[in-house]
Amino acid sequence: MVIRFYCEGCEAISTLSISQHKGKTYFSSDYFFNSYKEKYYNYLQSPEWDEKRKAKLKEADFRCQLCNAEDKLSVHHRTYERVFEELQSDLIALCSRCHSKYHDVPLPE
């Protein structure tokens, strides 16, 4: 079932999907997703994330934790279970090649 609703505050039309699977009810909303996405993006720009990112890169000796490459490193969430309050074990340092493999996205040639 899909319910559409109008937000008078921002004048947006959003949807709320309700589904059931194995006796459980699940809700999905583009409003909540977009709100979360904005919060997550802002978090990735924050000093708190920068500290965690730098700590993980240092812990990984500034190398990809999969292939040992030293260039084009980023820090990836292995899980989003504790996002905004992640443990260092929730993060992994990856080069761009391994990061794209992790997401199953081909690199441009």
Protein backbone atom coordinates (compact mmCIF):
# COMPACT_ATOMS: atom_id res chain seq x y z
CA MET A 1 0.00 0.00 0.00
CA VAL A 2 1.29 3.48 -0.86
CA ILE A 3 0.02 6.64 0.83
CA ARG A 4 0.83 10.07 -0.60
CA PHE A 5 0.84 13.08 1.67
CA TYR A 6 1.41 16.80 1.33
CA CYS A 7 3.74 18.71 3.66
CA GLU A 8 2.42 22.21 4.26
CA GLY A 9 5.79 23.29 5.69
CA CYS A 10 7.91 22.62 2.60
CA GLU A 11 5.07 22.04 0.09
CA ALA A 12 6.50 18.67 -0.91
CA ILE A 13 4.48 15.61 -1.81
CA SER A 14 5.91 12.50 -0.20
CA THR A 15 5.01 8.84 -0.22
CA LEU A 16 4.78 6.30 2.54
CA SER A 17 4.94 2.66 1.51
CA ILE A 18 3.61 -0.01 3.82
CA SER A 19 4.39 -3.64 3.15
CA GLN A 20 4.29 -6.92 5.00
CA HIS A 21 6.75 -9.78 4.90
CA LYS A 22 6.66 -12.89 7.06
CA GLY A 23 4.13 -11.32 9.41
CA LYS A 24 6.10 -8.09 9.95
CA THR A 25 5.05 -4.65 8.76
CA TYR A 26 7.64 -2.42 7.09
CA PHE A 27 7.40 1.30 6.40
CA SER A 28 9.39 3.20 3.78
CA SER A 29 9.16 6.92 3.24
CA ASP A 30 11.00 9.13 0.78
CA TYR A 31 10.56 11.98 3.30
CA PHE A 32 12.42 10.12 6.03
CA PHE A 33 15.00 8.81 3.57
CA ASN A 34 15.76 12.30 2.23
CA SER A 35 15.89 13.69 5.76
CA TYR A 36 18.30 10.93 6.80
CA LYS A 37 20.38 11.40 3.64
CA GLU A 38 20.78 15.10 4.40
CA LYS A 39 21.74 14.37 8.02
CA TYR A 40 24.28 11.76 6.86
CA TYR A 41 25.78 14.11 4.26
CA ASN A 42 26.15 16.83 6.90
CA TYR A 43 27.73 14.32 9.27
CA LEU A 44 30.35 13.41 6.65
CA GLN A 45 31.33 17.11 6.57
CA SER A 46 31.61 17.34 10.38
CA PRO A 47 34.76 17.53 12.56
CA GLU A 48 33.54 14.38 14.39
CA TRP A 49 33.57 12.34 11.16
CA ASP A 50 36.90 13.85 10.12
CA GLU A 51 38.44 12.66 13.41
CA LYS A 52 37.06 9.14 12.96
CA ARG A 53 38.17 9.05 9.32
CA LYS A 54 41.70 10.17 10.17
CA ALA A 55 41.91 7.66 13.05
CA LYS A 56 40.88 4.79 10.75
CA LEU A 57 43.39 5.81 8.07
CA LYS A 58 46.14 5.99 10.70
CA GLU A 59 45.09 2.61 12.15
CA ALA A 60 45.29 1.15 8.62
CA ASP A 61 48.78 2.65 8.20
CA PHE A 62 47.37 4.80 5.35
CA ARG A 63 46.84 1.73 3.17
CA CYS A 64 43.80 0.00 1.70
CA GLN A 65 42.78 -2.75 4.10
CA LEU A 66 41.96 -5.07 1.21
CA CYS A 67 44.75 -4.65 -1.35
CA ASN A 68 47.36 -2.60 0.57
CA ALA A 69 47.34 0.27 -1.98
CA GLU A 70 48.43 3.68 -0.70
CA ASP A 71 46.61 6.02 -3.09
CA LYS A 72 43.08 7.43 -3.32
CA LEU A 73 41.97 6.21 0.11
CA SER A 74 38.57 6.70 1.66
CA VAL A 75 36.92 5.38 4.79
CA HIS A 76 33.84 3.24 4.22
CA HIS A 77 31.15 2.13 6.68
CA ARG A 78 31.15 -1.65 6.93
CA THR A 79 27.83 -1.33 8.77
CA TYR A 80 25.40 1.50 9.34
CA GLU A 81 24.13 -0.07 12.56
CA ARG A 82 25.81 2.60 14.71
CA VAL A 83 26.10 5.41 12.15
CA PHE A 84 26.83 8.77 13.81
CA GLU A 85 28.29 6.80 16.76
CA GLU A 86 30.39 4.24 14.89
CA LEU A 87 33.13 2.14 16.40
CA GLN A 88 36.45 1.98 14.58
CA SER A 89 35.60 -1.66 13.80
CA ASP A 90 32.53 -0.42 11.86
CA LEU A 91 34.85 1.34 9.40
CA ILE A 92 37.33 0.17 6.77
CA ALA A 93 39.97 2.10 4.79
CA LEU A 94 39.64 1.39 1.07
CA CYS A 95 41.34 2.60 -2.11
CA SER A 96 39.01 3.81 -4.87
CA ARG A 97 39.28 0.51 -6.77
CA CYS A 98 38.33 -1.64 -3.76
CA HIS A 99 35.66 0.85 -2.70
CA SER A 100 33.99 0.58 -6.10
CA LYS A 101 34.18 -3.24 -5.89
CA TYR A 102 32.62 -3.07 -2.41
CA HIS A 103 29.66 -1.22 -3.95
CA ASP A 104 29.78 -3.31 -7.14
CA VAL A 105 30.23 -0.17 -9.25
CA PRO A 106 32.63 -0.37 -12.22
CA LEU A 107 35.38 2.23 -12.42
CA PRO A 108 35.47 4.39 -15.54
CA GLU A 109 38.07 3.26 -18.05
